[in-house]
N, C-alpha and C. Protein backbone atom coordinates (compact mmCIF):
# COMPACT_ATOMS: atom_id res chain seq x y z
N MET A 1 1.08 -1.11 0.01
CA MET A 1 -0.10 0.25 0.00
C MET A 1 0.75 1.38 0.10
N VAL A 2 0.74 2.12 -0.77
CA VAL A 2 1.45 3.71 -1.24
C VAL A 2 0.56 4.52 0.08
N ARG A 3 1.81 5.27 0.48
CA ARG A 3 0.69 6.75 1.60
C ARG A 3 1.38 7.36 0.91
N SER A 4 0.58 8.54 1.44
CA SER A 4 0.48 9.28 0.63
C SER A 4 1.52 9.85 1.40
N ARG A 5 2.30 11.09 0.70
CA ARG A 5 3.64 12.28 2.02
C ARG A 5 2.26 13.21 3.20
N GLU A 6 1.73 13.26 3.15
CA GLU A 6 1.17 13.74 3.88
C GLU A 6 0.56 12.88 5.43
N ALA A 7 0.29 11.64 4.76
CA ALA A 7 0.03 10.41 6.01
C ALA A 7 1.64 10.20 6.13
N ILE A 8 2.45 9.94 5.81
CA ILE A 8 4.11 9.64 6.28
C ILE A 8 4.04 10.82 7.51
N GLU A 9 3.25 12.62 6.56
CA GLU A 9 4.25 13.33 7.55
C GLU A 9 3.81 13.25 8.63
N LYS A 10 2.49 12.73 9.31
CA LYS A 10 2.09 12.46 9.87
C LYS A 10 2.50 11.75 11.38
N GLU A 11 2.77 10.45 10.33
CA GLU A 11 2.91 9.54 10.89
C GLU A 11 4.56 9.85 12.02
N LEU A 12 5.40 10.60 10.80
CA LEU A 12 7.06 11.06 11.39
C LEU A 12 6.11 11.98 12.70
N ALA A 13 5.36 12.58 12.33
CA ALA A 13 4.89 13.53 13.55
C ALA A 13 4.46 13.31 14.63
N VAL A 14 3.99 12.23 14.73
CA VAL A 14 3.43 10.91 15.73
C VAL A 14 4.60 10.84 16.63
N ALA A 15 5.19 10.06 15.65
CA ALA A 15 6.34 9.12 15.83
C ALA A 15 7.87 10.34 16.71
N CYS A 16 7.52 11.27 16.34
CA CYS A 16 8.58 12.17 17.09
C CYS A 16 8.22 12.34 18.27
N ILE A 17 6.63 13.02 17.89
CA ILE A 17 6.01 13.24 19.71
C ILE A 17 6.13 12.09 20.45
N ASN A 18 5.95 11.30 20.03
CA ASN A 18 5.85 10.18 20.93
C ASN A 18 7.82 9.32 21.81
N LEU A 19 9.01 9.56 21.48
CA LEU A 19 9.67 9.93 21.49
C LEU A 19 10.13 10.72 22.18
N ASP A 20 9.71 12.08 22.51
CA ASP A 20 10.00 13.10 23.09
C ASP A 20 9.11 13.33 24.63
N ARG A 21 8.33 11.96 24.27
CA ARG A 21 7.53 11.70 25.99
C ARG A 21 7.96 10.55 26.44
N THR A 22 8.54 9.77 26.18
CA THR A 22 9.87 9.06 26.33
C THR A 22 11.06 9.01 26.66
N LEU A 23 11.64 10.06 26.13
CA LEU A 23 12.89 10.63 26.79
C LEU A 23 12.51 10.90 27.80
N LYS A 24 11.89 12.00 28.17
CA LYS A 24 11.34 12.98 29.21
C LYS A 24 10.49 11.49 30.03
N GLN A 25 10.49 10.65 30.10
CA GLN A 25 9.84 9.59 30.68
C GLN A 25 10.89 9.35 31.53
N GLN A 26 12.52 9.07 30.58
CA GLN A 26 13.20 8.15 30.72
C GLN A 26 14.14 9.42 31.48
N GLU A 27 14.18 10.76 31.58
CA GLU A 27 14.94 11.33 31.62
C GLU A 27 14.55 11.69 34.06
N ASP A 28 13.17 12.04 33.30
CA ASP A 28 12.61 11.91 34.65
C ASP A 28 12.34 10.53 35.99
N MET A 29 12.60 9.59 35.41
CA MET A 29 12.85 8.31 35.98
C MET A 29 14.74 8.32 36.36
N LEU A 30 15.53 8.90 35.50
CA LEU A 30 17.06 9.25 36.38
C LEU A 30 17.13 9.76 37.21
N LYS A 31 16.24 11.36 37.49
CA LYS A 31 16.25 12.33 38.15
C LYS A 31 15.79 12.04 39.08
N SER A 32 14.56 10.96 39.52
CA SER A 32 14.29 10.46 40.58
C SER A 32 14.87 8.92 41.44
N GLY A 33 16.04 8.79 40.38
CA GLY A 33 17.22 8.29 40.69
C GLY A 33 16.60 6.73 40.51
N SER A 34 15.54 6.47 39.78
CA SER A 34 14.83 5.11 39.53
C SER A 34 15.76 4.64 37.98
N ALA A 35 15.75 3.29 38.15
CA ALA A 35 16.39 2.38 37.29
C ALA A 35 15.76 2.36 36.30
N LEU A 36 16.04 2.41 35.06
CA LEU A 36 15.31 2.30 33.56
C LEU A 36 15.25 1.53 33.10
N PRO A 37 13.89 0.55 33.30
CA PRO A 37 13.28 -0.69 33.43
C PRO A 37 13.82 -0.78 31.62
N LEU A 38 13.72 -1.93 30.83
CA LEU A 38 14.65 -2.82 29.71
C LEU A 38 13.47 -2.39 28.77
N ASP A 39 12.16 -1.98 29.11
CA ASP A 39 10.76 -2.27 28.30
C ASP A 39 11.11 -0.35 27.62
N LEU A 40 11.13 0.15 28.11
CA LEU A 40 11.67 1.51 28.58
C LEU A 40 12.84 2.32 26.91
N ALA A 41 13.94 1.46 27.67
CA ALA A 41 15.15 1.88 25.89
C ALA A 41 14.65 0.69 24.84
N LEU A 42 14.10 0.02 24.70
CA LEU A 42 13.27 -0.72 24.05
C LEU A 42 12.82 0.45 23.15
N ARG A 43 11.99 0.22 23.86
CA ARG A 43 10.33 1.34 22.93
C ARG A 43 11.51 2.99 22.44
N VAL A 44 12.19 3.47 23.37
CA VAL A 44 13.42 4.58 22.96
C VAL A 44 13.73 4.14 21.29
N GLU A 45 14.52 2.49 21.57
CA GLU A 45 15.38 2.51 20.12
C GLU A 45 14.38 1.91 18.87
N GLU A 46 12.95 1.34 19.56
CA GLU A 46 11.53 1.58 18.19
C GLU A 46 10.98 2.11 17.44
N LEU A 47 11.29 3.29 18.46
CA LEU A 47 10.86 4.65 18.22
C LEU A 47 12.03 5.04 17.07
N GLU A 48 13.24 4.98 17.28
CA GLU A 48 14.00 5.92 16.27
C GLU A 48 14.16 4.89 15.42
N ARG A 49 14.45 3.15 15.04
CA ARG A 49 14.06 2.57 14.52
C ARG A 49 12.75 3.21 13.13
N GLN A 50 11.54 3.56 13.91
CA GLN A 50 10.91 3.68 12.88
C GLN A 50 10.50 5.51 12.57
N ILE A 51 11.26 6.57 13.04
CA ILE A 51 11.99 6.91 12.75
C ILE A 51 11.77 7.57 11.47
N ARG A 52 13.29 7.10 11.62
CA ARG A 52 14.45 6.49 10.29
C ARG A 52 13.99 5.71 9.36
N GLU A 53 12.79 5.08 8.90
CA GLU A 53 12.06 4.45 7.94
C GLU A 53 10.95 5.35 7.40
N LEU A 54 10.50 6.15 8.53
CA LEU A 54 9.45 6.86 8.01
C LEU A 54 10.37 8.22 7.49
N GLU A 55 11.50 9.15 7.76
CA GLU A 55 12.39 9.97 7.24
C GLU A 55 12.38 8.96 5.78
N THR A 56 13.21 7.98 5.52
CA THR A 56 13.25 7.11 4.38
C THR A 56 12.16 7.09 3.10
N ASP A 57 11.29 6.49 3.47
CA ASP A 57 9.84 7.02 3.13
C ASP A 57 9.75 7.91 2.51
N LEU A 58 9.25 9.36 3.45
CA LEU A 58 9.30 10.47 3.47
C LEU A 58 9.98 10.72 2.08
N ALA A 59 11.46 10.29 1.68
CA ALA A 59 12.53 11.27 0.96
C ALA A 59 12.87 10.15 -0.57
N ALA A 60 11.90 9.21 -0.25
CA ALA A 60 11.10 8.37 -1.69
C ALA A 60 9.77 8.58 -2.03
N SER A 61 9.51 9.67 -1.12
CA SER A 61 7.68 10.32 -2.71
C SER A 61 8.35 11.11 -2.28
N PRO A 62 7.21 11.51 -3.60
CA PRO A 62 6.59 12.13 -4.51
C PRO A 62 6.99 13.53 -3.89
N ALA A 63 7.53 14.96 -3.90
CA ALA A 63 7.34 16.22 -3.67
C ALA A 63 6.39 16.68 -3.76
N PRO A 64 5.78 17.16 -3.07
CA PRO A 64 4.03 18.41 -3.16
C PRO A 64 4.79 18.53 -4.62
N PRO A 65 2.96 19.16 -5.44
CA PRO A 65 3.46 20.13 -6.30
C PRO A 65 3.98 21.92 -5.80
N THR A 66 4.66 22.19 -7.38
CA THR A 66 5.39 23.63 -6.72
C THR A 66 4.49 24.71 -6.79
N ASP A 67 2.83 24.35 -7.05
CA ASP A 67 2.50 25.63 -7.43
C ASP A 67 1.47 25.56 -6.37
N VAL A 68 1.85 24.66 -5.50
CA VAL A 68 0.70 25.08 -4.28
C VAL A 68 2.18 25.15 -2.84
N PRO A 69 1.34 26.62 -2.23
CA PRO A 69 2.08 26.76 -1.52
C PRO A 69 2.94 25.72 -0.14
N ARG A 70 4.42 24.98 0.10
CA ARG A 70 4.14 23.82 0.67
C ARG A 70 3.95 24.74 2.42
N ARG A 71 3.92 23.32 2.88
CA ARG A 71 3.66 23.72 4.65
C ARG A 71 4.69 23.68 5.64
N ASP A 72 5.52 23.39 5.15
CA ASP A 72 7.42 23.88 5.11
C ASP A 72 7.69 25.32 5.00
N GLU A 73 7.35 25.88 3.96
CA GLU A 73 7.44 27.19 3.77
C GLU A 73 6.90 28.47 4.36
N THR A 74 5.51 27.58 4.78
CA THR A 74 4.83 28.90 5.65
C THR A 74 5.49 28.37 7.00
N ILE A 75 5.46 27.80 7.68
CA ILE A 75 6.27 27.40 8.55
C ILE A 75 8.22 28.41 8.92
N GLU A 76 8.68 28.11 7.93
CA GLU A 76 9.69 28.76 7.88
C GLU A 76 9.41 30.97 7.87
N GLU A 77 8.53 30.72 7.14
CA GLU A 77 7.96 32.74 7.63
C GLU A 77 7.71 32.87 8.52
N GLU A 78 6.73 31.99 9.57
CA GLU A 78 6.69 32.21 10.94
C GLU A 78 7.73 32.45 11.57
N SER A 79 9.16 31.06 11.14
CA SER A 79 10.02 31.57 12.37
C SER A 79 10.38 32.26 12.34
N LYS A 80 10.46 33.52 11.10
CA LYS A 80 10.97 34.56 11.21
C LYS A 80 11.32 35.67 12.37
N GLU A 81 8.95 35.36 12.29
CA GLU A 81 8.34 36.11 13.58
C GLU A 81 9.28 36.22 14.86
N PRO A 82 9.79 37.59 15.57
CA PRO A 82 10.19 37.54 16.74
C PRO A 82 10.54 37.00 17.74
N ASP A 83 9.06 36.66 18.70
CA ASP A 83 8.28 36.30 19.22
C ASP A 83 8.59 34.07 19.25
N PHE A 84 8.54 33.90 18.35
CA PHE A 84 8.97 32.30 17.76
C PHE A 84 10.09 32.46 18.06
N LEU A 85 10.63 33.09 17.27
CA LEU A 85 12.44 32.03 17.83
C LEU A 85 12.34 32.32 18.82
N ARG A 86 12.14 33.68 19.64
CA ARG A 86 12.43 33.72 20.86
C ARG A 86 12.03 32.37 21.54
N SER A 87 11.10 31.83 20.74
CA SER A 87 10.39 30.30 22.27
C SER A 87 11.20 29.55 21.79
N GLN A 88 12.02 29.64 20.14
CA GLN A 88 12.93 28.40 19.77
C GLN A 88 13.90 28.48 20.77
N VAL A 89 14.56 30.10 20.85
CA VAL A 89 15.96 29.86 22.03
C VAL A 89 15.60 29.37 23.60
N LYS A 90 14.65 29.48 23.91
CA LYS A 90 14.07 29.35 24.72
C LYS A 90 14.05 27.45 25.28
N GLU A 91 13.50 27.32 24.48
CA GLU A 91 13.11 26.10 24.44
C GLU A 91 14.82 25.06 24.00
N ALA A 92 15.63 25.27 22.94
CA ALA A 92 16.65 25.19 23.02
C ALA A 92 17.52 25.25 24.31
N ARG A 93 17.37 26.35 24.83
CA ARG A 93 18.30 26.26 26.34
C ARG A 93 17.69 25.99 26.91
N ASP A 94 16.53 25.30 27.81
CA ASP A 94 16.16 24.04 28.28
C ASP A 94 16.46 22.86 27.55
N ASN A 95 16.64 22.32 26.60
CA ASN A 95 17.43 21.63 25.95
C ASN A 95 18.53 21.42 26.76
N LEU A 96 19.25 22.44 25.92
CA LEU A 96 20.41 22.75 26.31
C LEU A 96 20.82 22.05 27.91
N ARG A 97 20.07 23.20 28.49
CA ARG A 97 19.99 22.60 30.63
C ARG A 97 19.99 21.32 30.81
N LEU A 98 18.98 21.00 30.29
CA LEU A 98 19.19 19.06 30.97
C LEU A 98 20.10 18.53 30.03
N ILE A 99 20.65 18.66 29.38
CA ILE A 99 21.70 17.81 28.90
C ILE A 99 22.92 18.45 29.51
N GLU A 100 23.00 19.41 29.99
CA GLU A 100 24.19 19.55 31.05
C GLU A 100 24.18 19.00 32.25
N GLU A 101 22.72 18.13 32.83
CA GLU A 101 22.55 18.01 33.89
C GLU A 101 22.87 16.87 34.08
N ARG A 102 22.27 16.06 32.62
CA ARG A 102 22.49 14.75 32.53
C ARG A 102 24.59 14.53 32.16
N LYS A 103 24.82 15.00 31.87
CA LYS A 103 26.34 15.03 31.65
C LYS A 103 26.80 15.31 33.45
N ALA A 104 25.88 16.13 33.93
CA ALA A 104 27.04 15.85 35.27
C ALA A 104 26.41 15.09 36.45
N GLN A 105 25.61 14.05 35.86
CA GLN A 105 25.83 12.30 36.66
C GLN A 105 26.62 11.71 36.76
N TYR A 106 27.44 11.54 35.57
CA TYR A 106 28.52 10.86 34.93
C TYR A 106 30.11 11.85 35.70
N VAL A 107 30.66 10.59 36.53
CA VAL A 107 31.81 10.79 37.60
C VAL A 107 33.39 11.41 36.56
N LEU A 108 33.15 10.42 35.82
CA LEU A 108 34.27 11.33 34.41
C LEU A 108 34.01 11.54 33.13
N GLN A 109 34.66 12.53 33.23
CA GLN A 109 34.51 12.82 31.38
C GLN A 109 34.51 11.72 29.94
N VAL A 110 35.19 11.04 30.17
CA VAL A 110 35.32 10.15 29.49
C VAL A 110 33.84 8.91 29.66
N GLU A 111 33.61 9.11 30.60
CA GLU A 111 32.23 8.54 30.61
C GLU A 111 30.77 8.69 30.18
N VAL A 112 30.85 10.15 29.61
CA VAL A 112 29.75 10.86 29.19
C VAL A 112 29.74 10.33 27.33
N PRO A 113 28.51 9.53 27.44
CA PRO A 113 28.04 9.37 25.88
C PRO A 113 27.98 10.13 24.64
N LEU A 114 28.84 9.70 23.60
CA LEU A 114 28.96 10.10 22.12
C LEU A 114 28.65 10.47 22.00
N GLN A 115 27.06 10.24 22.26
CA GLN A 115 25.78 10.74 21.84
C GLN A 115 24.81 12.46 22.47
N LEU A 116 25.40 12.27 23.75
CA LEU A 116 24.66 13.52 24.77
C LEU A 116 25.44 14.77 24.23
N ILE A 117 27.30 14.04 23.79
CA ILE A 117 27.95 15.12 23.33
C ILE A 117 27.73 15.99 22.05
N LYS A 118 26.91 15.47 21.54
CA LYS A 118 26.68 15.70 19.97
C LYS A 118 25.59 16.53 20.09
N GLU A 119 24.56 15.61 20.91
CA GLU A 119 23.08 16.83 21.39
C GLU A 119 23.61 18.00 21.65
N GLU A 120 24.54 18.00 22.95
CA GLU A 120 24.97 19.41 23.50
C GLU A 120 25.49 20.38 22.13
N ARG A 121 26.41 19.66 21.83
CA ARG A 121 26.94 20.97 20.66
C ARG A 121 26.12 20.92 19.61
N HIS A 122 25.24 20.05 19.24
CA HIS A 122 23.80 20.78 18.53
C HIS A 122 22.91 21.88 19.19
N TRP A 123 23.00 21.38 20.12
CA TRP A 123 21.83 23.01 20.58
C TRP A 123 22.74 24.11 20.58
N ARG A 124 24.17 23.95 21.07
CA ARG A 124 24.58 25.26 20.92
C ARG A 124 24.60 26.11 19.69
N GLU A 125 24.76 25.10 18.98
CA GLU A 125 24.60 25.80 17.31
C GLU A 125 23.26 26.24 17.59
N ARG A 126 22.32 25.51 17.47
CA ARG A 126 21.11 25.50 17.14
C ARG A 126 20.59 27.26 18.20
N ILE A 127 21.21 27.35 19.18
CA ILE A 127 21.01 28.60 20.01
C ILE A 127 21.75 29.67 19.18
N ALA A 128 23.02 29.75 18.91
CA ALA A 128 23.63 30.31 17.99
C ALA A 128 22.83 30.67 17.18
N GLU A 129 22.57 30.09 16.00
CA GLU A 129 21.65 30.29 14.87
C GLU A 129 20.60 31.17 14.72
N LEU A 130 20.21 30.61 15.64
CA LEU A 130 18.10 31.48 16.26
C LEU A 130 18.92 32.61 16.71
N GLU A 131 19.68 33.14 17.35
CA GLU A 131 20.62 34.54 18.59
C GLU A 131 20.44 34.91 16.46
N ARG A 132 20.84 34.47 15.78
CA ARG A 132 21.75 35.16 14.80
C ARG A 132 20.52 36.23 14.15
N GLU A 133 19.97 34.69 13.94
CA GLU A 133 18.14 35.72 12.89
C GLU A 133 17.63 36.43 14.19
N LEU A 134 17.59 36.46 15.17
CA LEU A 134 16.72 37.30 16.34
C LEU A 134 17.56 38.72 15.94
N GLU A 135 19.03 38.37 15.75
CA GLU A 135 19.53 40.42 15.49
C GLU A 135 19.37 40.51 14.28
N MET A 136 19.16 39.93 12.97
CA MET A 136 18.40 40.75 12.14
C MET A 136 17.43 41.46 11.85
């Protein structure tokens, strides 16, 4: 069965939201000192796999017609609004703060997972990019 591009985008959005919620749940458990259940880690892996598959499907699906304004163009226009940019900066800083809290849980710097370091770099770069856009 061939799914429409819109259907794939909706599935991808839902999978991303579910992953975000699962990671938040994982983070809350770590903060409370609880052990992480195996099924939670498996859920994260499954959601990440699902997202990769959906992104592949989306890349293979036909692009929308050029005469119709694409949804991401509208979002890009909205993203230029200062209030929207400020909210994005705040959210990015919150994400960075959470990553720094997770890193602080490791006694030795060499024990910090590479993914956590990559995420920290990503959010620092994203914050700088958003702040540049706000200055324009």
